[in-house]
Amino acid sequence: MVEVEIDSGICGFKTVVQADNKPKYKAGVFIESTCPHVTKLAKVVKELGEVDVMRELFKKGESQILDASNAALPHITCPVPVGILKCLEAGSGMALPKEVTITFRQ
């Protein structure tokens, strides 16, 4: 199991995502968040059960995670959806776990 913590920035909300790797590039995704919108997303993702990691990461226009995120989240710039996908990627062994950052320079 791989776990990531997402600090969404100025909104102050925190999200923890766990990806439970299963055989044949399947995974369970578990999400806990202080954000009410991400909590709504978490319920939808939980109802999906296992997701097909290959579909989520490589089939443009067919991601159940991104579709659910678009429906639940009011801001397209929310970093949570990409955090979920990065967790799936590392959890399935398609990438090594490594910090991802966006740094504002003034």
C-alpha atoms as a PDB file:
ATOM      1  CA  MET A   1       0.000   0.000   0.000  1.00  0.00           C
ATOM      2  CA  VAL A   2       1.202   3.489  -0.866  1.00  0.00           C
ATOM      3  CA  GLU A   3       0.022   6.591   0.957  1.00  0.00           C
ATOM      4  CA  VAL A   4       0.286  10.243  -0.050  1.00  0.00           C
ATOM      5  CA  GLU A   5      -0.640  13.398   1.831  1.00  0.00           C
ATOM      6  CA  ILE A   6      -1.846  16.326  -0.233  1.00  0.00           C
ATOM      7  CA  ASP A   7      -1.696  19.892   1.094  1.00  0.00           C
ATOM      8  CA  SER A   8      -4.006  21.746  -1.255  1.00  0.00           C
ATOM      9  CA  GLY A   9      -2.527  25.171  -0.595  1.00  0.00           C
ATOM     10  CA  ILE A  10      -4.247  28.367   0.465  1.00  0.00           C
ATOM     11  CA  CYS A  11      -7.563  26.641   1.224  1.00  0.00           C
ATOM     12  CA  GLY A  12      -5.789  24.823   4.058  1.00  0.00           C
ATOM     13  CA  PHE A  13      -7.433  21.464   3.397  1.00  0.00           C
ATOM     14  CA  LYS A  14      -5.469  18.257   3.822  1.00  0.00           C
ATOM     15  CA  THR A  15      -6.136  14.972   2.048  1.00  0.00           C
ATOM     16  CA  VAL A  16      -4.644  11.517   2.579  1.00  0.00           C
ATOM     17  CA  VAL A  17      -4.874   8.975  -0.240  1.00  0.00           C
ATOM     18  CA  GLN A  18      -4.005   5.291  -0.022  1.00  0.00           C
ATOM     19  CA  ALA A  19      -3.696   2.980  -3.001  1.00  0.00           C
ATOM     20  CA  ASP A  20      -3.978  -0.715  -2.226  1.00  0.00           C
ATOM     21  CA  ASN A  21      -2.334  -2.539  -5.124  1.00  0.00           C
ATOM     22  CA  LYS A  22      -4.086  -5.670  -6.404  1.00  0.00           C
ATOM     23  CA  PRO A  23      -3.072  -8.178  -9.115  1.00  0.00           C
ATOM     24  CA  LYS A  24      -3.446  -7.334 -12.808  1.00  0.00           C
ATOM     25  CA  TYR A  25      -3.050  -3.555 -12.355  1.00  0.00           C
ATOM     26  CA  LYS A  26      -6.123  -3.174 -10.183  1.00  0.00           C
ATOM     27  CA  ALA A  27      -6.152  -1.045  -7.039  1.00  0.00           C
ATOM     28  CA  GLY A  28      -8.391   0.042  -4.228  1.00  0.00           C
ATOM     29  CA  VAL A  29      -8.328   3.768  -3.478  1.00  0.00           C
ATOM     30  CA  PHE A  30      -9.091   5.194  -0.036  1.00  0.00           C
ATOM     31  CA  ILE A  31      -9.418   8.943   0.534  1.00  0.00           C
ATOM     32  CA  GLU A  32      -9.788  10.969   3.736  1.00  0.00           C
ATOM     33  CA  SER A  33      -9.967  14.754   3.627  1.00  0.00           C
ATOM     34  CA  THR A  34     -10.856  17.846   5.593  1.00  0.00           C
ATOM     35  CA  CYS A  35     -12.351  19.303   2.381  1.00  0.00           C
ATOM     36  CA  PRO A  36     -16.110  18.748   1.999  1.00  0.00           C
ATOM     37  CA  HIS A  37     -15.789  18.547  -1.791  1.00  0.00           C
ATOM     38  CA  VAL A  38     -13.028  15.935  -1.640  1.00  0.00           C
ATOM     39  CA  THR A  39     -15.089  14.028   0.931  1.00  0.00           C
ATOM     40  CA  LYS A  40     -17.864  13.893  -1.674  1.00  0.00           C
ATOM     41  CA  LEU A  41     -15.304  12.657  -4.226  1.00  0.00           C
ATOM     42  CA  ALA A  42     -14.101  10.018  -1.732  1.00  0.00           C
ATOM     43  CA  LYS A  43     -17.606   8.561  -1.481  1.00  0.00           C
ATOM     44  CA  VAL A  44     -17.862   8.233  -5.270  1.00  0.00           C
ATOM     45  CA  VAL A  45     -14.410   6.640  -5.506  1.00  0.00           C
ATOM     46  CA  LYS A  46     -15.279   4.204  -2.713  1.00  0.00           C
ATOM     47  CA  GLU A  47     -18.367   3.126  -4.687  1.00  0.00           C
ATOM     48  CA  LEU A  48     -16.142   2.356  -7.683  1.00  0.00           C
ATOM     49  CA  GLY A  49     -14.436  -0.400  -5.705  1.00  0.00           C
ATOM     50  CA  GLU A  50     -11.272  -1.432  -7.489  1.00  0.00           C
ATOM     51  CA  VAL A  51     -10.066   0.729 -10.345  1.00  0.00           C
ATOM     52  CA  ASP A  52      -8.119  -0.314 -13.434  1.00  0.00           C
ATOM     53  CA  VAL A  53      -4.797   1.484 -13.009  1.00  0.00           C
ATOM     54  CA  MET A  54      -3.834   1.183 -16.686  1.00  0.00           C
ATOM     55  CA  ARG A  55      -7.125   2.806 -17.707  1.00  0.00           C
ATOM     56  CA  GLU A  56      -6.767   5.563 -15.132  1.00  0.00           C
ATOM     57  CA  LEU A  57      -3.228   6.464 -16.153  1.00  0.00           C
ATOM     58  CA  PHE A  58      -3.047   5.817 -19.871  1.00  0.00           C
ATOM     59  CA  LYS A  59      -6.469   6.012 -21.540  1.00  0.00           C
ATOM     60  CA  LYS A  60      -7.195   9.687 -22.058  1.00  0.00           C
ATOM     61  CA  GLY A  61     -10.848  10.522 -21.617  1.00  0.00           C
ATOM     62  CA  GLU A  62     -11.581   7.270 -19.740  1.00  0.00           C
ATOM     63  CA  SER A  63     -10.472   8.027 -16.175  1.00  0.00           C
ATOM     64  CA  GLN A  64     -13.156   7.352 -13.598  1.00  0.00           C
ATOM     65  CA  ILE A  65     -11.114   9.279 -11.034  1.00  0.00           C
ATOM     66  CA  LEU A  66     -10.933  12.394 -13.222  1.00  0.00           C
ATOM     67  CA  ASP A  67     -14.621  12.137 -14.170  1.00  0.00           C
ATOM     68  CA  ALA A  68     -15.603  11.908 -10.496  1.00  0.00           C
ATOM     69  CA  SER A  69     -13.246  14.788  -9.654  1.00  0.00           C
ATOM     70  CA  ASN A  70     -14.770  17.005 -12.341  1.00  0.00           C
ATOM     71  CA  ALA A  71     -18.228  16.346 -10.908  1.00  0.00           C
ATOM     72  CA  ALA A  72     -17.307  16.811  -7.228  1.00  0.00           C
ATOM     73  CA  LEU A  73     -14.683  19.562  -7.145  1.00  0.00           C
ATOM     74  CA  PRO A  74     -15.469  23.225  -7.805  1.00  0.00           C
ATOM     75  CA  HIS A  75     -11.898  24.172  -8.752  1.00  0.00           C
ATOM     76  CA  ILE A  76     -10.100  22.662 -11.743  1.00  0.00           C
ATOM     77  CA  THR A  77      -6.789  23.667 -10.136  1.00  0.00           C
ATOM     78  CA  CYS A  78      -7.318  21.413  -7.101  1.00  0.00           C
ATOM     79  CA  PRO A  79      -4.208  19.206  -6.773  1.00  0.00           C
ATOM     80  CA  VAL A  80      -6.101  16.258  -5.280  1.00  0.00           C
ATOM     81  CA  PRO A  81      -6.972  14.447  -8.549  1.00  0.00           C
ATOM     82  CA  VAL A  82      -3.362  14.364  -9.732  1.00  0.00           C
ATOM     83  CA  GLY A  83      -2.308  13.311  -6.226  1.00  0.00           C
ATOM     84  CA  ILE A  84      -4.695  10.349  -6.415  1.00  0.00           C
ATOM     85  CA  LEU A  85      -3.314   9.360  -9.816  1.00  0.00           C
ATOM     86  CA  LYS A  86       0.310   9.714  -8.632  1.00  0.00           C
ATOM     87  CA  CYS A  87      -0.532   7.471  -5.673  1.00  0.00           C
ATOM     88  CA  LEU A  88      -1.991   4.865  -8.040  1.00  0.00           C
ATOM     89  CA  GLU A  89       1.072   5.137 -10.276  1.00  0.00           C
ATOM     90  CA  ALA A  90       3.522   4.545  -7.428  1.00  0.00           C
ATOM     91  CA  GLY A  91       1.322   1.933  -5.778  1.00  0.00           C
ATOM     92  CA  SER A  92       1.223  -0.156  -8.941  1.00  0.00           C
ATOM     93  CA  GLY A  93       4.998   0.040  -9.408  1.00  0.00           C
ATOM     94  CA  MET A  94       4.832   2.196 -12.556  1.00  0.00           C
ATOM     95  CA  ALA A  95       6.767   4.974 -10.836  1.00  0.00           C
ATOM     96  CA  LEU A  96       8.914   5.368  -7.776  1.00  0.00           C
ATOM     97  CA  PRO A  97       7.422   7.437  -4.963  1.00  0.00           C
ATOM     98  CA  LYS A  98       8.864  10.958  -5.194  1.00  0.00           C
ATOM     99  CA  GLU A  99       7.672  14.340  -3.946  1.00  0.00           C
ATOM    100  CA  VAL A 100       5.876  16.533  -6.458  1.00  0.00           C
ATOM    101  CA  THR A 101       5.907  20.298  -5.929  1.00  0.00           C
ATOM    102  CA  ILE A 102       4.580  23.487  -7.430  1.00  0.00           C
ATOM    103  CA  THR A 103       6.645  26.436  -6.260  1.00  0.00           C
ATOM    104  CA  PHE A 104       5.549  30.044  -6.664  1.00  0.00           C
ATOM    105  CA  ARG A 105       8.416  32.457  -7.292  1.00  0.00           C
ATOM    106  CA  GLN A 106       7.950  36.130  -6.556  1.00  0.00           C
END
